[in-house]
Protein backbone atom coordinates (compact mmCIF):
# COMPACT_ATOMS: atom_id res chain seq x y z
CA MET A 1 -4.33 -10.55 36.57
CA VAL A 2 -5.59 -12.37 39.65
CA GLN A 3 -4.81 -15.69 37.99
CA ALA A 4 -1.26 -14.50 37.29
CA GLU A 5 -0.79 -13.66 40.98
CA ILE A 6 -2.11 -17.08 42.00
CA ASP A 7 0.26 -18.75 39.54
CA ALA A 8 3.17 -16.72 40.92
CA ILE A 9 2.34 -17.74 44.49
CA THR A 10 2.05 -21.38 43.41
CA ALA A 11 5.44 -21.21 41.69
CA ARG A 12 7.02 -19.68 44.76
CA LYS A 13 5.75 -22.47 46.97
CA GLY A 14 7.35 -25.01 44.65
CA ARG A 15 4.13 -26.60 43.48
CA GLN A 16 4.75 -25.60 39.91
CA THR A 17 7.74 -27.24 38.28
CA THR A 18 7.79 -25.22 35.05
CA GLY A 19 7.65 -21.50 34.48
CA GLY A 20 10.62 -20.43 36.57
CA SER A 21 10.55 -17.96 39.41
CA PRO A 22 7.38 -16.15 40.52
CA GLY A 23 8.60 -13.07 38.69
CA ASP A 24 9.05 -15.05 35.48
CA VAL A 25 5.53 -16.45 35.78
CA MET A 26 4.07 -12.99 36.34
CA MET A 27 6.02 -11.51 33.42
CA GLY A 28 4.93 -14.34 31.16
CA LYS A 29 1.30 -13.70 32.01
CA LEU A 30 1.71 -9.94 31.42
CA GLU A 31 3.41 -10.51 28.08
CA HIS A 32 0.55 -12.78 27.06
CA GLU A 33 -2.05 -10.15 28.05
CA PHE A 34 -0.18 -7.48 26.07
CA GLN A 35 -0.05 -9.73 23.01
CA VAL A 36 -3.79 -10.40 23.24
CA GLU A 37 -4.41 -6.64 23.38
CA ARG A 38 -2.18 -5.97 20.37
CA VAL A 39 -4.03 -8.57 18.29
CA SER A 40 -7.39 -7.25 19.46
CA ASN A 41 -6.43 -3.71 18.46
CA ALA A 42 -5.30 -4.93 15.04
CA MET A 43 -8.67 -6.61 14.51
CA LYS A 44 -10.52 -3.41 15.48
CA LEU A 45 -8.40 -1.36 13.10
CA GLU A 46 -9.10 -3.83 10.31
CA GLU A 47 -12.85 -3.45 10.88
CA LYS A 48 -12.47 0.35 10.87
CA LEU A 49 -10.54 0.23 7.58
CA ARG A 50 -13.14 -2.01 5.95
CA SER A 51 -15.87 0.37 7.07
CA LEU A 52 -14.03 3.37 5.63
CA ILE A 53 -13.46 1.57 2.33
CA THR A 54 -17.17 0.83 2.13
CA LYS A 55 -17.95 4.50 2.80
CA CYS A 56 -15.50 5.50 0.05
CA SER A 57 -17.31 3.25 -2.40
CA GLU A 58 -20.69 4.66 -1.37
CA ASN A 59 -19.55 8.29 -1.71
CA ARG A 60 -17.88 8.19 -5.14
CA GLY A 61 -20.29 10.85 -6.45
CA ASP A 62 -19.40 13.44 -3.80
CA THR A 63 -15.76 14.29 -4.45
CA GLU A 64 -15.21 16.28 -1.26
CA LEU A 65 -16.70 13.61 1.01
CA PHE A 66 -14.93 10.85 -0.93
CA ASN A 67 -11.53 12.54 -0.54
CA ALA A 68 -12.05 13.15 3.19
CA THR A 69 -13.09 9.52 3.74
CA ARG A 70 -10.21 8.27 1.59
CA LYS A 71 -7.73 10.31 3.64
CA ARG A 72 -9.07 8.72 6.84
CA ALA A 73 -8.91 5.27 5.20
CA LEU A 74 -5.26 5.76 4.24
CA ALA A 75 -4.42 6.77 7.82
CA ALA A 76 -6.34 3.75 9.17
CA ARG A 77 -4.47 1.48 6.75
CA GLN A 78 -1.12 2.77 8.01
CA ASP A 79 -2.25 2.35 11.62
CA LEU A 80 -3.29 -1.23 10.85
CA ILE A 81 0.06 -2.04 9.26
CA VAL A 82 1.92 -0.65 12.30
CA GLN A 83 -0.35 -2.49 14.74
CA ARG A 84 0.12 -5.77 12.87
CA GLU A 85 3.88 -5.32 13.04
CA ALA A 86 3.62 -4.70 16.79
CA ALA A 87 1.51 -7.84 17.18
CA GLY A 88 3.94 -9.94 15.16
CA MET A 89 1.45 -10.45 12.34
CA ALA A 90 3.41 -8.54 9.68
CA LYS A 91 5.42 -11.58 8.59
CA ASN A 92 2.39 -13.18 6.94
CA ALA A 93 2.25 -11.50 3.52
CA ALA A 94 -0.85 -13.47 2.51
CA LEU A 95 -2.71 -12.13 5.54
CA ASN A 96 -1.77 -8.55 4.69
CA ALA A 97 -2.68 -8.93 1.01
CA GLU A 98 -6.01 -10.55 1.82
CA THR A 99 -7.26 -8.24 4.55
CA VAL A 100 -5.73 -4.87 3.71
CA GLU A 101 -7.61 -3.97 0.58
CA ASP A 102 -6.43 -1.14 -1.61
CA VAL A 103 -8.13 2.10 -0.73
CA PRO A 104 -10.04 3.36 -3.78
CA ILE A 105 -8.47 6.15 -5.78
CA PRO A 106 -10.48 9.08 -7.13
CA THR A 107 -11.65 8.58 -10.70
CA SER A 108 -11.97 12.22 -11.71
CA MET A 109 -12.13 15.57 -9.99
């Protein structure tokens, strides 16, 4: 944030030829920071989903625990899809197919 303020001051003094007005420079920096946060959150959600899928696989024998973990994994998968859309990553179908694994389904109750 401090760097964004310095860049805005530099732009105002006319030392920076690109980037527009000081407000434009500051908004550009903020937009970049928000995008970095959205991508970071998507990566964290992906790790959470992978962890829940692993727990599902480990708990196949305990139906109650499996179903509870699977329910959390399905919610995490939806959160990940939404977060990827917010981060602009939803357009890459290969990325979604590769990293969002299918949550296991119960074999028998």
